[in-house]
Amino acid sequence: MGEALKLRGTLEGHGNWITAISTTEQDPNMILTSSRDKTVMVWELTREDGQFVVYPKKALRGHNHFVSDVVISSDGVYAVSGSWDATLRLWEIKSGNAS
C-alpha cells in the first residue's frame, strides 16, 4: 500500500484554527502558518539528536480579522497574507514589518 506517514512533531503556538501553511525551497527550515487568531507565525525547523524540533520564531500581527492564507516569496525574504479584513499585507519576514 506504499509508505505510511509518520508524525514527526507538532507546532503549537496559535490560539485558533490554522488556515494555511507555506514554505520555500530557498529556506526549507522556515515554515509560515496563518490562523483565525489574526496572526501569521514564523517557525524554524531544526534537528536535535535525530529528532525534528519546530520553534516559533515570531508572530506577525496587524490583521483585524482571520488570516486565511499566506505565501512566501521565492527568495524567502517576503510573505503575503490575506485576511477576512479585506486586506493583503506584504511582510518582510526577518524584521516582521508590514507594508
N, C-alpha and C. Protein backbone atom coordinates (compact mmCIF):
# COMPACT_ATOMS: atom_id res chain seq x y z
N MET A 1 0.82 -1.19 0.00
CA MET A 1 0.00 0.00 0.00
C MET A 1 0.87 1.25 0.00
N GLY A 2 2.15 1.12 -0.08
CA GLY A 2 3.02 2.29 -0.11
C GLY A 2 3.51 2.65 1.28
N GLU A 3 4.16 3.80 1.34
CA GLU A 3 4.71 4.26 2.61
C GLU A 3 3.63 4.90 3.47
N ALA A 4 3.76 4.70 4.76
CA ALA A 4 2.84 5.33 5.71
C ALA A 4 3.46 6.63 6.21
N LEU A 5 2.64 7.62 6.45
CA LEU A 5 3.11 8.87 7.03
C LEU A 5 3.40 8.67 8.51
N LYS A 6 4.44 9.35 8.99
CA LYS A 6 4.80 9.23 10.39
C LYS A 6 4.85 10.63 11.01
N LEU A 7 4.17 10.81 12.12
CA LEU A 7 4.17 12.09 12.82
C LEU A 7 5.58 12.37 13.34
N ARG A 8 6.12 13.54 12.99
CA ARG A 8 7.46 13.93 13.41
C ARG A 8 7.46 15.04 14.45
N GLY A 9 6.33 15.72 14.61
CA GLY A 9 6.28 16.81 15.57
C GLY A 9 4.97 17.57 15.46
N THR A 10 4.74 18.43 16.41
CA THR A 10 3.54 19.24 16.47
C THR A 10 3.96 20.70 16.66
N LEU A 11 3.34 21.58 15.91
CA LEU A 11 3.59 23.01 16.05
C LEU A 11 2.50 23.60 16.93
N GLU A 12 2.91 24.13 18.06
CA GLU A 12 1.94 24.72 18.99
C GLU A 12 2.28 26.18 19.24
N GLY A 13 1.30 27.05 19.02
CA GLY A 13 1.54 28.46 19.24
C GLY A 13 0.38 29.34 18.84
N HIS A 14 -0.46 28.86 17.93
CA HIS A 14 -1.63 29.63 17.53
C HIS A 14 -2.75 29.45 18.55
N GLY A 15 -3.63 30.44 18.60
CA GLY A 15 -4.76 30.38 19.52
C GLY A 15 -6.08 30.02 18.86
N ASN A 16 -6.03 29.63 17.59
CA ASN A 16 -7.24 29.27 16.87
C ASN A 16 -6.84 28.41 15.69
N TRP A 17 -7.79 28.10 14.81
CA TRP A 17 -7.56 27.21 13.67
C TRP A 17 -6.43 27.71 12.79
N ILE A 18 -5.65 26.78 12.25
CA ILE A 18 -4.64 27.08 11.23
C ILE A 18 -5.36 27.06 9.88
N THR A 19 -5.13 28.09 9.08
CA THR A 19 -5.82 28.19 7.80
C THR A 19 -4.92 27.93 6.61
N ALA A 20 -3.60 28.11 6.77
CA ALA A 20 -2.67 27.87 5.66
C ALA A 20 -1.27 27.64 6.19
N ILE A 21 -0.46 26.95 5.38
CA ILE A 21 0.94 26.70 5.72
C ILE A 21 1.75 26.92 4.46
N SER A 22 2.95 27.49 4.62
CA SER A 22 3.78 27.80 3.47
C SER A 22 5.25 27.61 3.81
N THR A 23 6.01 27.17 2.81
CA THR A 23 7.46 27.08 2.93
C THR A 23 8.04 27.32 1.55
N THR A 24 9.36 27.36 1.45
CA THR A 24 10.01 27.63 0.18
C THR A 24 11.27 26.79 0.05
N GLU A 25 11.66 26.51 -1.18
CA GLU A 25 12.89 25.77 -1.42
C GLU A 25 14.11 26.57 -0.99
N GLN A 26 14.00 27.90 -1.00
CA GLN A 26 15.12 28.77 -0.61
C GLN A 26 15.54 28.51 0.84
N ASP A 27 14.57 28.31 1.71
CA ASP A 27 14.85 28.01 3.12
C ASP A 27 13.84 26.98 3.61
N PRO A 28 14.10 25.69 3.37
CA PRO A 28 13.13 24.66 3.75
C PRO A 28 12.97 24.49 5.26
N ASN A 29 13.81 25.15 6.05
CA ASN A 29 13.68 25.07 7.51
C ASN A 29 12.81 26.18 8.08
N MET A 30 12.28 27.05 7.21
CA MET A 30 11.36 28.10 7.65
C MET A 30 9.95 27.71 7.20
N ILE A 31 9.02 27.78 8.13
CA ILE A 31 7.62 27.48 7.86
C ILE A 31 6.80 28.68 8.31
N LEU A 32 5.83 29.09 7.51
CA LEU A 32 4.88 30.12 7.91
C LEU A 32 3.49 29.51 7.98
N THR A 33 2.72 29.92 8.98
CA THR A 33 1.34 29.49 9.11
C THR A 33 0.46 30.71 9.34
N SER A 34 -0.76 30.63 8.84
CA SER A 34 -1.75 31.68 9.12
C SER A 34 -2.88 31.06 9.92
N SER A 35 -3.61 31.92 10.63
CA SER A 35 -4.60 31.40 11.56
C SER A 35 -5.79 32.33 11.73
N ARG A 36 -6.85 31.74 12.27
CA ARG A 36 -8.02 32.53 12.65
C ARG A 36 -7.76 33.37 13.90
N ASP A 37 -6.58 33.26 14.51
CA ASP A 37 -6.24 34.11 15.65
C ASP A 37 -5.67 35.47 15.20
N LYS A 38 -5.76 35.75 13.88
CA LYS A 38 -5.37 37.02 13.26
C LYS A 38 -3.86 37.19 13.11
N THR A 39 -3.10 36.10 13.21
CA THR A 39 -1.65 36.19 13.11
C THR A 39 -1.10 35.28 12.02
N VAL A 40 0.12 35.61 11.62
CA VAL A 40 0.97 34.74 10.82
C VAL A 40 2.15 34.39 11.72
N MET A 41 2.44 33.10 11.84
CA MET A 41 3.57 32.66 12.67
C MET A 41 4.72 32.23 11.77
N VAL A 42 5.94 32.59 12.18
CA VAL A 42 7.16 32.15 11.53
C VAL A 42 7.78 31.08 12.42
N TRP A 43 8.05 29.91 11.84
CA TRP A 43 8.58 28.77 12.58
C TRP A 43 9.94 28.37 12.02
N GLU A 44 10.80 27.83 12.89
CA GLU A 44 12.09 27.31 12.45
C GLU A 44 12.15 25.82 12.73
N LEU A 45 12.42 25.05 11.69
CA LEU A 45 12.54 23.60 11.80
C LEU A 45 14.01 23.25 11.99
N THR A 46 14.32 22.51 13.05
CA THR A 46 15.69 22.08 13.32
C THR A 46 15.70 20.59 13.63
N ARG A 47 16.87 20.04 13.64
CA ARG A 47 17.04 18.64 14.05
C ARG A 47 17.94 18.61 15.27
N GLU A 48 17.47 17.96 16.31
CA GLU A 48 18.23 17.81 17.55
C GLU A 48 18.22 16.35 17.94
N ASP A 49 19.39 15.77 18.08
CA ASP A 49 19.52 14.36 18.46
C ASP A 49 18.70 13.45 17.55
N GLY A 50 18.71 13.76 16.25
CA GLY A 50 17.99 12.93 15.29
C GLY A 50 16.50 13.16 15.24
N GLN A 51 15.98 14.09 16.03
CA GLN A 51 14.55 14.40 16.06
C GLN A 51 14.30 15.76 15.42
N PHE A 52 13.13 15.92 14.80
CA PHE A 52 12.73 17.22 14.28
C PHE A 52 12.11 18.03 15.41
N VAL A 53 12.55 19.28 15.52
CA VAL A 53 12.01 20.19 16.53
C VAL A 53 11.63 21.48 15.80
N VAL A 54 10.44 22.00 16.11
CA VAL A 54 9.97 23.23 15.47
C VAL A 54 9.79 24.30 16.55
N TYR A 55 10.45 25.45 16.34
CA TYR A 55 10.36 26.56 17.28
C TYR A 55 9.58 27.71 16.66
N PRO A 56 8.67 28.32 17.42
CA PRO A 56 8.04 29.55 16.92
C PRO A 56 9.06 30.69 17.05
N LYS A 57 9.36 31.37 15.93
CA LYS A 57 10.33 32.46 15.95
C LYS A 57 9.67 33.80 16.21
N LYS A 58 8.53 34.04 15.54
CA LYS A 58 7.83 35.32 15.76
C LYS A 58 6.41 35.23 15.24
N ALA A 59 5.58 36.10 15.76
CA ALA A 59 4.20 36.24 15.30
C ALA A 59 4.10 37.57 14.56
N LEU A 60 3.56 37.53 13.36
CA LEU A 60 3.35 38.74 12.57
C LEU A 60 1.91 39.19 12.81
N ARG A 61 1.77 40.35 13.43
CA ARG A 61 0.46 40.86 13.80
C ARG A 61 0.15 42.14 13.06
N GLY A 62 -1.11 42.32 12.70
CA GLY A 62 -1.52 43.54 12.01
C GLY A 62 -2.89 43.42 11.37
N HIS A 63 -3.33 42.19 11.10
CA HIS A 63 -4.66 42.00 10.55
C HIS A 63 -5.71 42.16 11.65
N ASN A 64 -6.91 42.57 11.24
CA ASN A 64 -8.00 42.80 12.19
C ASN A 64 -9.07 41.71 12.15
N HIS A 65 -8.82 40.64 11.38
CA HIS A 65 -9.77 39.53 11.29
C HIS A 65 -8.97 38.28 10.95
N PHE A 66 -9.66 37.16 10.74
CA PHE A 66 -9.00 35.90 10.42
C PHE A 66 -8.01 36.08 9.27
N VAL A 67 -6.83 35.47 9.39
CA VAL A 67 -5.88 35.42 8.27
C VAL A 67 -6.13 34.10 7.56
N SER A 68 -6.54 34.17 6.31
CA SER A 68 -6.97 32.97 5.61
C SER A 68 -5.90 32.33 4.73
N ASP A 69 -4.83 33.07 4.39
CA ASP A 69 -3.81 32.49 3.54
C ASP A 69 -2.49 33.22 3.73
N VAL A 70 -1.39 32.50 3.44
CA VAL A 70 -0.06 33.08 3.48
C VAL A 70 0.82 32.36 2.47
N VAL A 71 1.65 33.13 1.77
CA VAL A 71 2.63 32.57 0.83
C VAL A 71 3.96 33.28 1.04
N ILE A 72 5.05 32.57 0.73
CA ILE A 72 6.39 33.12 0.86
C ILE A 72 6.94 33.40 -0.53
N SER A 73 7.65 34.52 -0.69
CA SER A 73 8.27 34.82 -1.97
C SER A 73 9.34 33.78 -2.28
N SER A 74 9.66 33.63 -3.56
CA SER A 74 10.61 32.59 -3.96
C SER A 74 11.99 32.78 -3.36
N ASP A 75 12.35 34.03 -3.01
CA ASP A 75 13.66 34.26 -2.39
C ASP A 75 13.63 34.12 -0.87
N GLY A 76 12.44 33.89 -0.30
CA GLY A 76 12.31 33.69 1.14
C GLY A 76 12.41 34.95 1.98
N VAL A 77 12.37 36.11 1.35
CA VAL A 77 12.52 37.38 2.07
C VAL A 77 11.17 37.96 2.50
N TYR A 78 10.15 37.79 1.68
CA TYR A 78 8.84 38.39 1.93
C TYR A 78 7.75 37.32 2.04
N ALA A 79 6.67 37.71 2.69
CA ALA A 79 5.46 36.89 2.73
C ALA A 79 4.28 37.81 2.45
N VAL A 80 3.24 37.25 1.84
CA VAL A 80 1.99 37.97 1.62
C VAL A 80 0.90 37.19 2.33
N SER A 81 0.10 37.91 3.13
CA SER A 81 -1.01 37.28 3.83
C SER A 81 -2.31 37.94 3.41
N GLY A 82 -3.37 37.14 3.37
CA GLY A 82 -4.69 37.64 3.03
C GLY A 82 -5.63 37.38 4.20
N SER A 83 -6.48 38.36 4.48
CA SER A 83 -7.33 38.29 5.66
C SER A 83 -8.78 38.59 5.33
N TRP A 84 -9.65 38.15 6.24
CA TRP A 84 -11.06 38.48 6.15
C TRP A 84 -11.31 39.96 6.42
N ASP A 85 -10.30 40.71 6.82
CA ASP A 85 -10.47 42.15 7.00
C ASP A 85 -10.35 42.89 5.66
N ALA A 86 -10.33 42.12 4.54
CA ALA A 86 -10.29 42.62 3.18
C ALA A 86 -8.96 43.30 2.83
N THR A 87 -7.88 42.85 3.48
CA THR A 87 -6.56 43.40 3.15
C THR A 87 -5.58 42.28 2.84
N LEU A 88 -4.58 42.66 2.06
CA LEU A 88 -3.38 41.85 1.88
C LEU A 88 -2.26 42.60 2.55
N ARG A 89 -1.37 41.87 3.22
CA ARG A 89 -0.21 42.52 3.83
C ARG A 89 1.06 41.89 3.29
N LEU A 90 2.01 42.75 2.94
CA LEU A 90 3.32 42.31 2.49
C LEU A 90 4.26 42.45 3.68
N TRP A 91 4.82 41.33 4.12
CA TRP A 91 5.68 41.29 5.29
C TRP A 91 7.13 41.08 4.89
N GLU A 92 8.05 41.79 5.52
CA GLU A 92 9.46 41.41 5.44
C GLU A 92 9.64 40.42 6.59
N ILE A 93 9.93 39.17 6.27
CA ILE A 93 9.91 38.11 7.27
C ILE A 93 10.93 38.34 8.38
N LYS A 94 12.14 38.71 8.02
CA LYS A 94 13.22 38.86 9.02
C LYS A 94 12.88 39.90 10.08
N SER A 95 12.38 41.06 9.64
CA SER A 95 12.09 42.16 10.59
C SER A 95 10.68 42.06 11.17
N GLY A 96 9.77 41.42 10.43
CA GLY A 96 8.38 41.34 10.87
C GLY A 96 7.57 42.57 10.48
N ASN A 97 8.17 43.48 9.74
CA ASN A 97 7.47 44.72 9.33
C ASN A 97 6.55 44.46 8.14
N ALA A 98 5.40 45.13 8.15
CA ALA A 98 4.43 45.01 7.06
C ALA A 98 4.40 46.31 6.27
N SER A 99 4.11 46.16 4.99
CA SER A 99 3.93 47.34 4.13
C SER A 99 2.47 47.55 3.84
